[in-house]
């Protein structure tokens, strides 16, 4: 009989990993904050375009768009973590 057939298995049988708990559910205030940030960012960008780049903060020009899109991005990132 060949040597490989007579060997016993040295590794133990498969044991499944311990059951992990389900991911925690987000706090009740989390979703409204995400949606509020998305809406505030959208209003900021629309205001910048409608008022000819002069407002919401006068004097910074195109940075108003950066601020609006940054606020929206924070809202989107928060939504990715929402459970």
N, C-alpha and C. Protein backbone atom coordinates (compact mmCIF):
# COMPACT_ATOMS: atom_id res chain seq x y z
N UNK A 1 0.85 -1.17 0.00
CA UNK A 1 0.00 0.00 0.00
C UNK A 1 0.90 1.24 0.00
N UNK A 2 0.57 2.23 -0.81
CA UNK A 2 1.40 3.44 -0.84
C UNK A 2 1.37 4.16 0.50
N UNK A 3 2.44 4.90 0.74
CA UNK A 3 2.60 5.56 2.03
C UNK A 3 1.53 6.63 2.26
N UNK A 4 1.15 7.37 1.22
CA UNK A 4 0.20 8.47 1.39
C UNK A 4 -1.19 7.96 1.80
N UNK A 5 -1.56 6.78 1.37
CA UNK A 5 -2.88 6.25 1.71
C UNK A 5 -2.96 5.80 3.15
N UNK A 6 -1.84 5.44 3.75
CA UNK A 6 -1.87 4.94 5.11
C UNK A 6 -1.75 6.06 6.16
N UNK A 7 -1.45 7.28 5.73
CA UNK A 7 -1.32 8.38 6.69
C UNK A 7 -2.68 8.84 7.19
N UNK A 8 -2.67 9.25 8.40
CA UNK A 8 -3.88 9.82 8.98
C UNK A 8 -3.84 11.33 8.81
N UNK A 9 -5.00 11.92 8.76
CA UNK A 9 -5.09 13.37 8.65
C UNK A 9 -4.60 14.00 9.95
N UNK A 10 -3.65 14.95 9.84
CA UNK A 10 -3.08 15.56 11.04
C UNK A 10 -3.81 16.83 11.44
N UNK A 11 -4.50 17.48 10.48
CA UNK A 11 -5.23 18.69 10.82
C UNK A 11 -6.59 18.31 11.39
N UNK A 12 -7.07 19.08 12.34
CA UNK A 12 -8.41 18.79 12.86
C UNK A 12 -9.47 19.13 11.80
N UNK A 13 -10.62 18.58 11.97
CA UNK A 13 -11.72 18.86 11.04
C UNK A 13 -12.11 20.33 11.11
N UNK A 14 -12.79 20.80 10.09
CA UNK A 14 -13.18 22.21 10.02
C UNK A 14 -14.09 22.58 11.18
N UNK A 15 -13.74 23.65 11.84
CA UNK A 15 -14.61 24.19 12.88
C UNK A 15 -15.00 25.60 12.45
N UNK A 16 -16.27 25.88 12.37
CA UNK A 16 -16.70 27.20 11.91
C UNK A 16 -16.30 28.27 12.90
N UNK A 17 -16.10 29.50 12.41
CA UNK A 17 -15.74 30.59 13.32
C UNK A 17 -16.91 30.89 14.26
N UNK A 18 -16.63 31.49 15.38
CA UNK A 18 -17.72 31.79 16.31
C UNK A 18 -18.70 32.79 15.69
N UNK A 19 -19.94 32.62 16.04
CA UNK A 19 -20.97 33.49 15.48
C UNK A 19 -20.75 34.92 15.97
N UNK A 20 -20.65 35.84 15.02
CA UNK A 20 -20.47 37.23 15.41
C UNK A 20 -21.84 37.89 15.58
N UNK A 21 -21.85 38.89 16.38
CA UNK A 21 -23.11 39.57 16.60
C UNK A 21 -23.43 40.44 15.37
N UNK A 22 -24.68 40.72 15.17
CA UNK A 22 -25.12 41.54 14.04
C UNK A 22 -24.58 42.96 14.22
N UNK A 23 -24.36 43.68 13.12
CA UNK A 23 -23.87 45.04 13.24
C UNK A 23 -24.85 45.92 14.01
N UNK A 24 -24.30 46.83 14.75
CA UNK A 24 -25.13 47.70 15.58
C UNK A 24 -25.99 48.61 14.70
N UNK A 25 -27.18 48.85 15.16
CA UNK A 25 -28.09 49.74 14.44
C UNK A 25 -27.73 51.17 14.79
N UNK A 26 -27.81 52.04 13.78
CA UNK A 26 -27.47 53.45 13.99
C UNK A 26 -28.45 54.11 14.95
N UNK A 27 -27.99 55.19 15.54
CA UNK A 27 -28.83 55.97 16.45
C UNK A 27 -29.97 56.61 15.66
N UNK A 28 -31.07 56.94 16.31
CA UNK A 28 -32.22 57.52 15.60
C UNK A 28 -31.92 58.88 14.96
N UNK A 29 -30.97 59.62 15.47
CA UNK A 29 -30.67 60.94 14.93
C UNK A 29 -29.75 60.88 13.73
N UNK A 30 -29.16 59.74 13.45
CA UNK A 30 -28.13 59.63 12.41
C UNK A 30 -28.67 59.90 11.00
N UNK A 31 -29.78 59.27 10.64
CA UNK A 31 -30.34 59.45 9.30
C UNK A 31 -30.82 60.88 9.06
N UNK A 32 -31.52 61.52 10.01
CA UNK A 32 -31.91 62.91 9.76
C UNK A 32 -30.72 63.85 9.59
N UNK A 33 -29.63 63.60 10.31
CA UNK A 33 -28.44 64.44 10.14
C UNK A 33 -27.85 64.25 8.74
N UNK A 34 -27.81 63.02 8.25
CA UNK A 34 -27.30 62.76 6.89
C UNK A 34 -28.12 63.49 5.85
N UNK A 35 -29.43 63.35 5.94
CA UNK A 35 -30.31 63.99 4.97
C UNK A 35 -30.21 65.51 5.07
N UNK A 36 -30.11 66.04 6.28
CA UNK A 36 -29.97 67.48 6.46
C UNK A 36 -28.69 67.99 5.82
N UNK A 37 -27.59 67.27 5.98
CA UNK A 37 -26.34 67.68 5.36
C UNK A 37 -26.44 67.67 3.84
N UNK A 38 -27.09 66.66 3.30
CA UNK A 38 -27.27 66.61 1.85
C UNK A 38 -28.10 67.80 1.35
N UNK A 39 -29.16 68.12 2.06
CA UNK A 39 -30.02 69.23 1.64
C UNK A 39 -29.32 70.56 1.80
N UNK A 40 -28.61 70.76 2.90
CA UNK A 40 -27.88 72.02 3.12
C UNK A 40 -26.82 72.20 2.04
N UNK A 41 -26.09 71.15 1.71
CA UNK A 41 -25.08 71.25 0.66
C UNK A 41 -25.70 71.58 -0.68
N UNK A 42 -26.84 70.96 -1.00
CA UNK A 42 -27.52 71.24 -2.26
C UNK A 42 -28.00 72.69 -2.31
N UNK A 43 -28.61 73.16 -1.22
CA UNK A 43 -29.07 74.56 -1.17
C UNK A 43 -27.89 75.51 -1.30
N UNK A 44 -26.76 75.17 -0.69
CA UNK A 44 -25.56 76.01 -0.77
C UNK A 44 -25.09 76.14 -2.22
N UNK A 45 -25.02 75.01 -2.93
CA UNK A 45 -24.56 75.02 -4.32
C UNK A 45 -25.55 75.77 -5.21
N UNK A 46 -26.84 75.52 -5.03
CA UNK A 46 -27.86 76.20 -5.85
C UNK A 46 -27.83 77.70 -5.58
N UNK A 47 -27.69 78.09 -4.32
CA UNK A 47 -27.60 79.51 -3.98
C UNK A 47 -26.39 80.15 -4.64
N UNK A 48 -25.29 79.45 -4.66
CA UNK A 48 -24.08 79.97 -5.30
C UNK A 48 -24.32 80.24 -6.77
N UNK A 49 -24.97 79.31 -7.45
CA UNK A 49 -25.23 79.50 -8.88
C UNK A 49 -26.27 80.59 -9.14
N UNK A 50 -27.36 80.58 -8.38
CA UNK A 50 -28.45 81.53 -8.63
C UNK A 50 -27.99 82.97 -8.36
N UNK A 51 -27.24 83.18 -7.32
CA UNK A 51 -26.83 84.54 -6.94
C UNK A 51 -25.49 84.92 -7.55
N UNK A 52 -25.14 84.30 -8.67
CA UNK A 52 -23.99 84.70 -9.48
C UNK A 52 -22.67 84.66 -8.71
N UNK A 53 -22.43 83.60 -7.95
CA UNK A 53 -21.18 83.32 -7.26
C UNK A 53 -20.84 84.34 -6.17
N UNK A 54 -21.79 85.17 -5.79
CA UNK A 54 -21.51 86.21 -4.79
C UNK A 54 -21.85 85.76 -3.37
N UNK A 55 -22.79 84.87 -3.23
CA UNK A 55 -23.23 84.43 -1.91
C UNK A 55 -23.23 82.92 -1.88
N UNK A 56 -23.31 82.25 -0.82
CA UNK A 56 -23.63 82.53 0.56
C UNK A 56 -22.52 83.25 1.32
N UNK A 57 -21.25 83.08 0.97
CA UNK A 57 -20.18 83.83 1.61
C UNK A 57 -19.59 84.76 0.56
N UNK A 58 -19.82 86.05 0.68
CA UNK A 58 -19.31 86.97 -0.34
C UNK A 58 -17.78 87.01 -0.34
N UNK A 59 -17.22 87.14 -1.52
CA UNK A 59 -15.79 87.35 -1.63
C UNK A 59 -14.95 86.11 -1.83
N UNK A 60 -15.50 84.92 -1.69
CA UNK A 60 -14.66 83.74 -1.87
C UNK A 60 -14.91 83.05 -3.20
N UNK A 61 -15.88 83.52 -3.95
CA UNK A 61 -16.11 83.04 -5.31
C UNK A 61 -16.38 81.55 -5.39
N UNK A 62 -15.50 80.85 -6.15
CA UNK A 62 -15.68 79.43 -6.41
C UNK A 62 -15.54 78.54 -5.19
N UNK A 63 -14.98 79.04 -4.12
CA UNK A 63 -14.87 78.23 -2.92
C UNK A 63 -16.23 77.94 -2.31
N UNK A 64 -17.24 78.75 -2.66
CA UNK A 64 -18.60 78.43 -2.21
C UNK A 64 -19.04 77.07 -2.73
N UNK A 65 -18.66 76.76 -3.97
CA UNK A 65 -18.99 75.43 -4.51
C UNK A 65 -18.26 74.33 -3.74
N UNK A 66 -17.01 74.58 -3.43
CA UNK A 66 -16.24 73.58 -2.69
C UNK A 66 -16.87 73.31 -1.32
N UNK A 67 -17.34 74.37 -0.68
CA UNK A 67 -17.98 74.20 0.63
C UNK A 67 -19.27 73.40 0.49
N UNK A 68 -20.08 73.75 -0.50
CA UNK A 68 -21.35 73.04 -0.70
C UNK A 68 -21.14 71.58 -1.02
N UNK A 69 -20.20 71.29 -1.92
CA UNK A 69 -19.95 69.89 -2.27
C UNK A 69 -19.31 69.13 -1.10
N UNK A 70 -18.52 69.81 -0.30
CA UNK A 70 -17.92 69.15 0.88
C UNK A 70 -18.99 68.75 1.88
N UNK A 71 -19.95 69.64 2.09
CA UNK A 71 -21.04 69.33 3.03
C UNK A 71 -21.84 68.14 2.51
N UNK A 72 -22.11 68.12 1.19
CA UNK A 72 -22.83 66.98 0.62
C UNK A 72 -22.02 65.70 0.72
N UNK A 73 -20.72 65.78 0.54
CA UNK A 73 -19.86 64.59 0.62
C UNK A 73 -19.88 64.00 2.03
N UNK A 74 -19.87 64.86 3.03
CA UNK A 74 -19.96 64.36 4.41
C UNK A 74 -21.28 63.61 4.60
N UNK A 75 -22.36 64.15 4.04
CA UNK A 75 -23.65 63.46 4.13
C UNK A 75 -23.63 62.11 3.45
N UNK A 76 -23.01 62.02 2.26
CA UNK A 76 -22.93 60.74 1.56
C UNK A 76 -22.06 59.74 2.32
N UNK A 77 -20.96 60.20 2.88
CA UNK A 77 -20.10 59.30 3.64
C UNK A 77 -20.83 58.77 4.88
N UNK A 78 -21.59 59.65 5.51
CA UNK A 78 -22.37 59.20 6.67
C UNK A 78 -23.41 58.17 6.24
N UNK A 79 -24.02 58.36 5.07
CA UNK A 79 -25.02 57.39 4.61
C UNK A 79 -24.42 56.02 4.34
N UNK A 80 -23.16 55.98 3.94
CA UNK A 80 -22.53 54.68 3.70
C UNK A 80 -22.35 53.91 5.00
N UNK A 81 -22.28 54.58 6.12
CA UNK A 81 -22.10 53.92 7.40
C UNK A 81 -23.41 53.69 8.15
N UNK A 82 -24.52 54.11 7.55
CA UNK A 82 -25.83 54.00 8.20
C UNK A 82 -26.31 52.56 8.17
N UNK A 83 -26.85 52.08 9.28
CA UNK A 83 -27.39 50.72 9.36
C UNK A 83 -28.79 50.77 9.88
